[in-house]
Protein backbone atom coordinates (compact mmCIF):
# COMPACT_ATOMS: atom_id res chain seq x y z
CA MET A 1 -6.60 8.49 10.43
CA ARG A 2 -6.47 9.21 6.72
CA CYS A 3 -5.09 7.93 3.42
CA LEU A 4 -2.60 9.88 1.33
CA VAL A 5 -2.23 8.99 -2.34
CA GLU A 6 1.36 9.70 -3.34
CA ASP A 7 3.49 9.49 -6.45
CA LEU A 8 6.10 6.73 -6.55
CA ALA A 9 9.07 8.90 -5.53
CA THR A 10 7.28 10.43 -2.57
CA PHE A 11 5.89 7.06 -1.46
CA ALA A 12 9.35 5.49 -1.69
CA VAL A 13 10.65 8.06 0.79
CA THR A 14 7.70 8.42 3.16
CA ALA A 15 6.23 4.92 3.28
CA GLY A 16 9.59 3.36 2.43
CA ALA A 17 11.11 4.50 5.71
CA TRP A 18 8.22 2.94 7.60
CA LEU A 19 8.27 -0.28 5.54
CA ARG A 20 12.03 -0.71 6.12
CA ARG A 21 11.42 -0.94 9.88
CA GLU A 22 10.29 -4.53 9.21
CA PRO A 23 11.99 -5.44 5.92
CA VAL A 24 11.22 -9.16 6.04
CA LEU A 25 7.51 -8.60 6.64
CA HIS A 26 7.35 -5.93 3.92
CA ASN A 27 9.81 -7.49 1.47
CA VAL A 28 7.36 -7.76 -1.44
CA LEU A 29 6.19 -4.16 -1.09
CA LEU A 30 9.77 -2.88 -0.83
CA THR A 31 10.81 -4.91 -3.88
CA LEU A 32 7.81 -3.74 -5.89
CA VAL A 33 8.66 -0.09 -5.16
CA ALA A 34 12.40 -0.57 -5.80
CA ASP A 35 11.78 -2.29 -9.15
CA ARG A 36 9.64 0.61 -10.33
CA LEU A 37 12.04 3.24 -9.03
CA SER A 38 14.93 1.62 -10.88
CA GLY A 39 12.92 1.30 -14.08
CA ASP A 40 13.29 -2.50 -14.10
CA VAL A 41 9.48 -2.63 -14.04
CA PRO A 42 7.96 0.28 -15.94
CA LEU A 43 5.06 2.22 -14.50
CA SER A 44 1.76 1.70 -16.29
CA GLY A 45 0.17 4.83 -14.89
CA ASP A 46 -2.59 2.86 -13.17
CA GLU A 47 -0.63 2.16 -9.97
CA ARG A 48 -1.79 3.64 -6.69
CA PHE A 49 0.64 4.27 -3.87
CA VAL A 50 -1.26 4.94 -0.65
CA ARG A 51 0.08 5.72 2.80
CA VAL A 52 -2.11 5.55 5.90
CA VAL A 53 -1.26 8.21 8.47
CA ASP A 54 -2.45 8.89 11.99
CA GLY A 55 -1.61 12.33 13.29
CA GLY A 56 0.99 12.75 10.55
CA GLU A 57 2.74 9.47 11.39
CA THR A 58 2.74 6.56 8.92
CA VAL A 59 0.90 3.52 10.28
CA SER A 60 0.59 1.47 7.08
CA ALA A 61 0.80 1.45 3.30
CA MET A 62 -0.73 -0.10 0.20
CA VAL A 63 0.42 -0.49 -3.39
CA TRP A 64 -2.14 -1.33 -6.04
CA THR A 65 -0.90 -2.41 -9.45
CA PRO A 66 -3.94 -3.29 -11.57
CA PRO A 67 -4.98 -5.76 -12.84
CA ARG A 68 -3.75 -7.32 -9.58
CA GLY A 69 -5.51 -6.50 -6.34
CA PRO A 70 -3.97 -4.22 -3.72
CA LEU A 71 -0.95 -5.34 -1.73
CA LEU A 72 -1.24 -4.31 1.91
CA ALA A 73 1.42 -3.80 4.54
CA ALA A 74 0.87 -4.92 8.11
CA MET A 75 -1.51 -2.57 9.87
CA PRO A 76 -3.66 -1.99 12.93
CA VAL A 77 -7.40 -2.61 12.71
CA ALA A 78 -8.27 1.10 12.42
CA ALA A 79 -5.85 1.54 9.51
CA ALA A 80 -7.34 -1.44 7.66
CA ARG A 81 -10.81 0.04 8.01
CA THR A 82 -9.63 3.48 6.89
CA LEU A 83 -7.94 1.97 3.86
CA ALA A 84 -10.98 -0.16 2.99
CA GLU A 85 -13.18 2.94 3.12
CA HIS A 86 -10.68 4.69 0.85
CA VAL A 87 -10.95 2.04 -1.89
CA VAL A 88 -14.63 1.14 -1.55
CA GLY A 89 -16.36 1.77 -4.82
CA ALA A 90 -13.13 1.36 -6.74
CA ALA A 91 -13.47 0.89 -10.44
CA PRO A 92 -13.21 -1.91 -11.31
CA PRO A 93 -14.45 -3.46 -8.06
CA LEU A 94 -11.89 -5.37 -6.01
CA VAL A 95 -11.92 -9.13 -6.37
CA GLU A 96 -8.67 -9.80 -4.50
CA VAL A 97 -6.37 -8.30 -1.91
CA HIS A 98 -2.93 -9.48 -0.77
CA GLY A 99 -0.75 -9.05 2.29
CA PRO A 100 -0.41 -10.28 5.85
CA VAL A 101 -3.47 -12.33 6.84
CA PRO A 102 -4.55 -10.11 9.77
CA ALA A 103 -4.44 -6.96 7.60
CA VAL A 104 -6.24 -8.63 4.70
CA ALA A 105 -8.95 -10.06 6.99
CA GLU A 106 -9.67 -6.66 8.55
CA PHE A 107 -9.56 -4.92 5.18
CA ALA A 108 -12.01 -7.42 3.66
């Protein structure tokens, strides 16, 4: 399992397809991406769009829009751990994370 950091357009296609499988669960992530794609919310340049893949298949995603903490999609335990390892040592250090409770608990 590994994390892929993508630009907004790529993330919207790759992770977007996966997120749309459960649009209610991932509504906030989908809206956040759509608002930036449309230009309704301008990009600051600090955003991070991360897709978690296992064998080339998307298993989760994260969008981080500082100064807010990362917003996680639903994910299996292994994906949460992979993503946490990816952001450990982030500057500035994380003080918050958002998303479905099981994903956030494993990530933390």
